[in-house]
Amino acid sequence: MSQQPHQFETQTTRRLGYLLHLPPGYDDDPNHKWPLILFLHGIGERGDDLELVKKHGIARVVEEQPDFPFIAVSPQCPPTSWWVSKMESLTALLDHILATYAVDPRRVYLTGLSMGGYGAWALGIAQPERFAAVAAVCGGGEPGKVCALKHTPVWAFHGEADRVVRLSESQQMVAALQACGGDVTLTVYPGVGHDSWTQTYTNPGLYAWFLQNTR
């Protein structure tokens, strides 16, 4: 089933457009619950055109693999905004998706790249009980708060030669999480610049890892 554009809005949150993918067979068994991935894009995909969101990451993978076996939700950050300032909107959207679709609440996963990597760290810290695992790609955040994720498996990815978001941004988050006993892995791609997302999101091992983790 192809990704479909949707709009979400509440009395307290600005309208948020998003792409929704439902896996093949979604309608076959009304009692079946599906794993969900919430994907946060990078800064270049902000705007009011959901086609932009399909350029990279999960939303692109779904376009290329229509049999993608997760429910995938890919919201679009409004122009001039940042994901780290959209925690309320993202939480409300996630609540809406879980209430509306056949999501397995024990298999809700969070990921994002670049600006979305920062967003994934931030949302995971703000809502650690919501996610079975978090994958943050070339992002960063607040190391002083990351122990909120000590009971949530985290996999961070970064290019060694990234000059847009320095490798140290991921290293600091990972080191702080390790220090409080967190289950965290850092994959560094030697010689790779800012685009550490292409090989991350095309790696079947990422999706196998997601499914290995439940709440």
C-alpha atoms as a PDB file:
ATOM      1  CA  MET A   1       0.000   0.000   0.000  1.00  0.00           C
ATOM      2  CA  SER A   2       1.507   3.359  -1.021  1.00  0.00           C
ATOM      3  CA  GLN A   3       2.069   6.219   1.390  1.00  0.00           C
ATOM      4  CA  GLN A   4      -0.929   8.484   1.728  1.00  0.00           C
ATOM      5  CA  PRO A   5      -0.820  12.166   2.718  1.00  0.00           C
ATOM      6  CA  HIS A   6      -2.734  13.202   5.835  1.00  0.00           C
ATOM      7  CA  GLN A   7      -3.229  16.299   7.957  1.00  0.00           C
ATOM      8  CA  PHE A   8      -3.387  16.308  11.735  1.00  0.00           C
ATOM      9  CA  GLU A   9      -4.479  19.205  13.917  1.00  0.00           C
ATOM     10  CA  THR A  10      -5.751  19.729  17.460  1.00  0.00           C
ATOM     11  CA  GLN A  11      -6.915  22.787  19.344  1.00  0.00           C
ATOM     12  CA  THR A  12      -3.467  23.206  20.857  1.00  0.00           C
ATOM     13  CA  THR A  13      -1.163  22.108  18.014  1.00  0.00           C
ATOM     14  CA  ARG A  14      -0.553  23.600  14.598  1.00  0.00           C
ATOM     15  CA  ARG A  15      -1.543  21.491  11.608  1.00  0.00           C
ATOM     16  CA  LEU A  16       1.017  18.795  10.876  1.00  0.00           C
ATOM     17  CA  GLY A  17       1.089  17.027   7.543  1.00  0.00           C
ATOM     18  CA  TYR A  18       2.312  13.455   7.457  1.00  0.00           C
ATOM     19  CA  LEU A  19       2.706  10.447   5.207  1.00  0.00           C
ATOM     20  CA  LEU A  20       1.139   7.194   6.338  1.00  0.00           C
ATOM     21  CA  HIS A  21       2.093   3.743   5.074  1.00  0.00           C
ATOM     22  CA  LEU A  22       0.004   0.706   5.968  1.00  0.00           C
ATOM     23  CA  PRO A  23       1.648  -2.668   5.234  1.00  0.00           C
ATOM     24  CA  PRO A  24       0.234  -5.144   2.730  1.00  0.00           C
ATOM     25  CA  GLY A  25      -2.353  -7.289   4.468  1.00  0.00           C
ATOM     26  CA  TYR A  26      -3.217  -4.559   6.951  1.00  0.00           C
ATOM     27  CA  ASP A  27      -6.958  -5.056   6.389  1.00  0.00           C
ATOM     28  CA  ASP A  28      -6.896  -8.858   6.311  1.00  0.00           C
ATOM     29  CA  ASP A  29      -7.164  -9.481  10.048  1.00  0.00           C
ATOM     30  CA  PRO A  30      -8.830  -6.824  12.224  1.00  0.00           C
ATOM     31  CA  ASN A  31      -7.258  -8.365  15.327  1.00  0.00           C
ATOM     32  CA  HIS A  32      -3.671  -8.208  14.101  1.00  0.00           C
ATOM     33  CA  LYS A  33      -1.459  -5.490  15.593  1.00  0.00           C
ATOM     34  CA  TRP A  34       1.414  -4.033  13.596  1.00  0.00           C
ATOM     35  CA  PRO A  35       4.783  -2.526  14.542  1.00  0.00           C
ATOM     36  CA  LEU A  36       5.071   1.218  13.966  1.00  0.00           C
ATOM     37  CA  ILE A  37       8.017   3.405  12.971  1.00  0.00           C
ATOM     38  CA  LEU A  38       7.806   7.166  13.522  1.00  0.00           C
ATOM     39  CA  PHE A  39      10.328   8.846  11.198  1.00  0.00           C
ATOM     40  CA  LEU A  40      11.592  12.438  11.544  1.00  0.00           C
ATOM     41  CA  HIS A  41      13.202  13.951   8.434  1.00  0.00           C
ATOM     42  CA  GLY A  42      16.061  16.441   8.134  1.00  0.00           C
ATOM     43  CA  ILE A  43      16.084  20.215   7.754  1.00  0.00           C
ATOM     44  CA  GLY A  44      15.982  20.161   3.958  1.00  0.00           C
ATOM     45  CA  GLU A  45      12.562  18.511   3.932  1.00  0.00           C
ATOM     46  CA  ARG A  46      10.735  21.121   6.028  1.00  0.00           C
ATOM     47  CA  GLY A  47       7.806  22.855   4.366  1.00  0.00           C
ATOM     48  CA  ASP A  48       4.260  22.303   3.142  1.00  0.00           C
ATOM     49  CA  ASP A  49       4.958  19.754   0.399  1.00  0.00           C
ATOM     50  CA  LEU A  50       4.868  16.172   1.632  1.00  0.00           C
ATOM     51  CA  GLU A  51       6.670  14.987  -1.490  1.00  0.00           C
ATOM     52  CA  LEU A  52       9.840  16.457   0.047  1.00  0.00           C
ATOM     53  CA  VAL A  53       9.627  13.986   2.921  1.00  0.00           C
ATOM     54  CA  LYS A  54      10.113  11.104   0.470  1.00  0.00           C
ATOM     55  CA  LYS A  55      13.659  12.226  -0.419  1.00  0.00           C
ATOM     56  CA  HIS A  56      15.430  10.332   2.355  1.00  0.00           C
ATOM     57  CA  GLY A  57      15.027   7.869   5.192  1.00  0.00           C
ATOM     58  CA  ILE A  58      12.036   5.701   5.984  1.00  0.00           C
ATOM     59  CA  ALA A  59       9.689   7.617   3.697  1.00  0.00           C
ATOM     60  CA  ARG A  60      11.998   6.927   0.753  1.00  0.00           C
ATOM     61  CA  VAL A  61      12.421   3.263   1.711  1.00  0.00           C
ATOM     62  CA  VAL A  62       8.642   2.855   1.754  1.00  0.00           C
ATOM     63  CA  GLU A  63       8.391   4.370  -1.729  1.00  0.00           C
ATOM     64  CA  GLU A  64      10.943   1.857  -2.983  1.00  0.00           C
ATOM     65  CA  GLN A  65       9.626  -1.079  -0.939  1.00  0.00           C
ATOM     66  CA  PRO A  66       5.812  -0.996  -0.919  1.00  0.00           C
ATOM     67  CA  ASP A  67       5.830  -4.297   1.011  1.00  0.00           C
ATOM     68  CA  PHE A  68       7.545  -2.563   3.966  1.00  0.00           C
ATOM     69  CA  PRO A  69       6.230  -4.562   6.952  1.00  0.00           C
ATOM     70  CA  PHE A  70       5.744  -1.710   9.428  1.00  0.00           C
ATOM     71  CA  ILE A  71       3.160   1.011   9.759  1.00  0.00           C
ATOM     72  CA  ALA A  72       5.268   4.060   8.906  1.00  0.00           C
ATOM     73  CA  VAL A  73       4.390   7.602   9.933  1.00  0.00           C
ATOM     74  CA  SER A  74       6.526  10.379   8.461  1.00  0.00           C
ATOM     75  CA  PRO A  75       5.400  13.865   9.547  1.00  0.00           C
ATOM     76  CA  GLN A  76       6.668  17.067   7.948  1.00  0.00           C
ATOM     77  CA  CYS A  77       8.145  19.807  10.082  1.00  0.00           C
ATOM     78  CA  PRO A  78       6.673  23.230   9.211  1.00  0.00           C
ATOM     79  CA  PRO A  79       8.913  25.847   7.572  1.00  0.00           C
ATOM     80  CA  THR A  80      11.315  27.641   9.940  1.00  0.00           C
ATOM     81  CA  SER A  81      10.497  25.184  12.772  1.00  0.00           C
ATOM     82  CA  TRP A  82      12.641  22.476  14.367  1.00  0.00           C
ATOM     83  CA  TRP A  83      11.624  19.032  15.557  1.00  0.00           C
ATOM     84  CA  VAL A  84      12.978  19.730  19.034  1.00  0.00           C
ATOM     85  CA  SER A  85      10.323  22.463  19.360  1.00  0.00           C
ATOM     86  CA  LYS A  86       7.536  20.148  18.182  1.00  0.00           C
ATOM     87  CA  MET A  87       7.400  17.647  21.049  1.00  0.00           C
ATOM     88  CA  GLU A  88       3.757  18.450  21.855  1.00  0.00           C
ATOM     89  CA  SER A  89       2.662  18.079  18.240  1.00  0.00           C
ATOM     90  CA  LEU A  90       4.570  14.826  17.761  1.00  0.00           C
ATOM     91  CA  THR A  91       3.171  13.373  20.975  1.00  0.00           C
ATOM     92  CA  ALA A  92      -0.375  14.306  19.943  1.00  0.00           C
ATOM     93  CA  LEU A  93       0.165  12.812  16.484  1.00  0.00           C
ATOM     94  CA  LEU A  94       1.485   9.591  17.988  1.00  0.00           C
ATOM     95  CA  ASP A  95      -1.514   9.401  20.327  1.00  0.00           C
ATOM     96  CA  HIS A  96      -3.803   9.864  17.325  1.00  0.00           C
ATOM     97  CA  ILE A  97      -2.088   7.123  15.291  1.00  0.00           C
ATOM     98  CA  LEU A  98      -2.211   4.631  18.150  1.00  0.00           C
ATOM     99  CA  ALA A  99      -5.888   5.375  18.748  1.00  0.00           C
ATOM    100  CA  THR A 100      -6.835   5.150  15.061  1.00  0.00           C
ATOM    101  CA  TYR A 101      -4.784   2.325  13.581  1.00  0.00           C
ATOM    102  CA  ALA A 102      -3.955  -1.275  14.537  1.00  0.00           C
ATOM    103  CA  VAL A 103      -0.626  -0.508  16.190  1.00  0.00           C
ATOM    104  CA  ASP A 104       1.074  -2.874  18.601  1.00  0.00           C
ATOM    105  CA  PRO A 105       1.878  -0.502  21.509  1.00  0.00           C
ATOM    106  CA  ARG A 106       4.748  -2.762  22.561  1.00  0.00           C
ATOM    107  CA  ARG A 107       6.465  -2.286  19.177  1.00  0.00           C
ATOM    108  CA  VAL A 108       6.596   1.458  18.574  1.00  0.00           C
ATOM    109  CA  TYR A 109       9.938   2.625  17.192  1.00  0.00           C
ATOM    110  CA  LEU A 110      11.424   6.090  16.710  1.00  0.00           C
ATOM    111  CA  THR A 111      14.069   7.258  14.261  1.00  0.00           C
ATOM    112  CA  GLY A 112      15.256  10.412  12.527  1.00  0.00           C
ATOM    113  CA  LEU A 113      18.145  11.869  10.572  1.00  0.00           C
ATOM    114  CA  SER A 114      20.115  15.103  11.067  1.00  0.00           C
ATOM    115  CA  MET A 115      17.545  17.605  12.413  1.00  0.00           C
ATOM    116  CA  GLY A 116      15.351  14.535  12.829  1.00  0.00           C
ATOM    117  CA  GLY A 117      18.188  12.798  14.674  1.00  0.00           C
ATOM    118  CA  TYR A 118      18.090  15.617  17.204  1.00  0.00           C
ATOM    119  CA  GLY A 119      14.327  15.236  17.259  1.00  0.00           C
ATOM    120  CA  ALA A 120      14.581  11.499  17.871  1.00  0.00           C
ATOM    121  CA  TRP A 121      16.915  12.006  20.822  1.00  0.00           C
ATOM    122  CA  ALA A 122      14.644  14.736  22.223  1.00  0.00           C
ATOM    123  CA  LEU A 123      11.359  12.855  21.790  1.00  0.00           C
ATOM    124  CA  GLY A 124      12.873   9.677  23.140  1.00  0.00           C
ATOM    125  CA  ILE A 125      14.073  11.547  26.230  1.00  0.00           C
ATOM    126  CA  ALA A 126      10.688  13.232  26.659  1.00  0.00           C
ATOM    127  CA  GLN A 127       8.660  10.028  26.138  1.00  0.00           C
ATOM    128  CA  PRO A 128      10.967   7.085  26.915  1.00  0.00           C
ATOM    129  CA  GLU A 129       8.087   4.836  27.949  1.00  0.00           C
ATOM    130  CA  ARG A 130       6.526   5.134  24.484  1.00  0.00           C
ATOM    131  CA  PHE A 131       9.283   3.566  22.413  1.00  0.00           C
ATOM    132  CA  ALA A 132      10.650   0.041  22.223  1.00  0.00           C
ATOM    133  CA  ALA A 133      13.821   1.306  20.511  1.00  0.00           C
ATOM    134  CA  VAL A 134      15.289   4.530  19.135  1.00  0.00           C
ATOM    135  CA  ALA A 135      17.643   4.953  16.147  1.00  0.00           C
ATOM    136  CA  ALA A 136      19.250   8.399  15.855  1.00  0.00           C
ATOM    137  CA  VAL A 137      21.138   9.165  12.636  1.00  0.00           C
ATOM    138  CA  CYS A 138      23.730  11.984  12.567  1.00  0.00           C
ATOM    139  CA  GLY A 139      21.998  13.834  15.383  1.00  0.00           C
ATOM    140  CA  GLY A 140      22.734  15.000  18.899  1.00  0.00           C
ATOM    141  CA  GLY A 141      21.047  16.458  21.929  1.00  0.00           C
ATOM    142  CA  GLU A 142      21.405  17.114  25.630  1.00  0.00           C
ATOM    143  CA  PRO A 143      23.745  14.594  27.261  1.00  0.00           C
ATOM    144  CA  GLY A 144      22.640  15.735  30.716  1.00  0.00           C
ATOM    145  CA  LYS A 145      19.117  14.437  30.070  1.00  0.00           C
ATOM    146  CA  VAL A 146      19.848  11.267  28.120  1.00  0.00           C
ATOM    147  CA  CYS A 147      19.698   8.938  31.134  1.00  0.00           C
ATOM    148  CA  ALA A 148      15.926   9.071  30.686  1.00  0.00           C
ATOM    149  CA  LEU A 149      16.611   6.524  27.919  1.00  0.00           C
ATOM    150  CA  LYS A 150      18.625   4.106  30.046  1.00  0.00           C
ATOM    151  CA  HIS A 151      15.902   1.450  29.773  1.00  0.00           C
ATOM    152  CA  THR A 152      15.347   1.938  26.015  1.00  0.00           C
ATOM    153  CA  PRO A 153      17.685   0.358  23.442  1.00  0.00           C
ATOM    154  CA  VAL A 154      19.332   3.054  21.304  1.00  0.00           C
ATOM    155  CA  TRP A 155      21.382   2.727  18.130  1.00  0.00           C
ATOM    156  CA  ALA A 156      23.172   5.854  16.911  1.00  0.00           C
ATOM    157  CA  PHE A 157      24.783   6.264  13.486  1.00  0.00           C
ATOM    158  CA  HIS A 158      27.200   8.915  12.271  1.00  0.00           C
ATOM    159  CA  GLY A 159      29.648   9.581   9.455  1.00  0.00           C
ATOM    160  CA  GLU A 160      33.232  10.009  10.616  1.00  0.00           C
ATOM    161  CA  ALA A 161      33.786  12.904   8.199  1.00  0.00           C
ATOM    162  CA  ASP A 162      30.467  14.699   8.856  1.00  0.00           C
ATOM    163  CA  ARG A 163      31.081  18.460   8.790  1.00  0.00           C
ATOM    164  CA  VAL A 164      27.420  19.468   9.135  1.00  0.00           C
ATOM    165  CA  VAL A 165      26.743  17.657  12.404  1.00  0.00           C
ATOM    166  CA  ARG A 166      30.025  16.668  13.996  1.00  0.00           C
ATOM    167  CA  LEU A 167      30.580  13.086  15.081  1.00  0.00           C
ATOM    168  CA  SER A 168      31.170  14.385  18.597  1.00  0.00           C
ATOM    169  CA  GLU A 169      27.447  15.194  18.847  1.00  0.00           C
ATOM    170  CA  SER A 170      26.543  11.491  18.738  1.00  0.00           C
ATOM    171  CA  GLN A 171      29.610  10.486  20.759  1.00  0.00           C
ATOM    172  CA  GLN A 172      28.637  12.752  23.648  1.00  0.00           C
ATOM    173  CA  MET A 173      25.089  11.376  23.785  1.00  0.00           C
ATOM    174  CA  VAL A 174      26.284   7.780  23.597  1.00  0.00           C
ATOM    175  CA  ALA A 175      28.971   8.273  26.243  1.00  0.00           C
ATOM    176  CA  ALA A 176      26.485   9.868  28.634  1.00  0.00           C
ATOM    177  CA  LEU A 177      23.979   7.064  28.090  1.00  0.00           C
ATOM    178  CA  GLN A 178      26.659   4.417  28.583  1.00  0.00           C
ATOM    179  CA  ALA A 179      27.673   6.097  31.830  1.00  0.00           C
ATOM    180  CA  CYS A 180      24.226   5.521  33.313  1.00  0.00           C
ATOM    181  CA  GLY A 181      24.026   1.919  32.140  1.00  0.00           C
ATOM    182  CA  GLY A 182      22.038   2.419  28.951  1.00  0.00           C
ATOM    183  CA  ASP A 183      21.768  -0.152  26.172  1.00  0.00           C
ATOM    184  CA  VAL A 184      23.338   1.915  23.386  1.00  0.00           C
ATOM    185  CA  THR A 185      25.412   1.241  20.271  1.00  0.00           C
ATOM    186  CA  LEU A 186      27.245   3.737  18.062  1.00  0.00           C
ATOM    187  CA  THR A 187      28.030   2.872  14.448  1.00  0.00           C
ATOM    188  CA  VAL A 188      30.575   5.193  12.815  1.00  0.00           C
ATOM    189  CA  TYR A 189      30.987   5.064   9.042  1.00  0.00           C
ATOM    190  CA  PRO A 190      34.663   5.674   8.157  1.00  0.00           C
ATOM    191  CA  GLY A 191      35.191   8.452   5.637  1.00  0.00           C
ATOM    192  CA  VAL A 192      31.460   9.198   5.317  1.00  0.00           C
ATOM    193  CA  GLY A 193      30.197  12.771   5.480  1.00  0.00           C
ATOM    194  CA  HIS A 194      26.747  13.977   6.449  1.00  0.00           C
ATOM    195  CA  ASP A 195      24.856  11.352   4.456  1.00  0.00           C
ATOM    196  CA  SER A 196      25.032   8.529   6.951  1.00  0.00           C
ATOM    197  CA  TRP A 197      21.335   7.833   6.443  1.00  0.00           C
ATOM    198  CA  THR A 198      21.400   6.102   3.064  1.00  0.00           C
ATOM    199  CA  GLN A 199      23.336   3.071   4.240  1.00  0.00           C
ATOM    200  CA  THR A 200      21.584   3.103   7.598  1.00  0.00           C
ATOM    201  CA  TYR A 201      18.036   2.944   6.251  1.00  0.00           C
ATOM    202  CA  THR A 202      18.878   0.466   3.484  1.00  0.00           C
ATOM    203  CA  ASN A 203      20.392  -1.942   6.023  1.00  0.00           C
ATOM    204  CA  PRO A 204      17.976  -4.812   6.780  1.00  0.00           C
ATOM    205  CA  GLY A 205      19.767  -5.230  10.092  1.00  0.00           C
ATOM    206  CA  LEU A 206      18.213  -2.005  11.368  1.00  0.00           C
ATOM    207  CA  TYR A 207      14.677  -3.343  10.951  1.00  0.00           C
ATOM    208  CA  ALA A 208      15.608  -6.735  12.404  1.00  0.00           C
ATOM    209  CA  TRP A 209      17.032  -4.877  15.421  1.00  0.00           C
ATOM    210  CA  PHE A 210      13.849  -2.852  15.826  1.00  0.00           C
ATOM    211  CA  LEU A 211      11.757  -6.017  15.886  1.00  0.00           C
ATOM    212  CA  GLN A 212      14.036  -7.667  18.422  1.00  0.00           C
ATOM    213  CA  ASN A 213      12.989  -5.008  20.919  1.00  0.00           C
ATOM    214  CA  THR A 214       9.587  -4.723  22.584  1.00  0.00           C
ATOM    215  CA  ARG A 215       8.290  -2.787  25.571  1.00  0.00           C
END
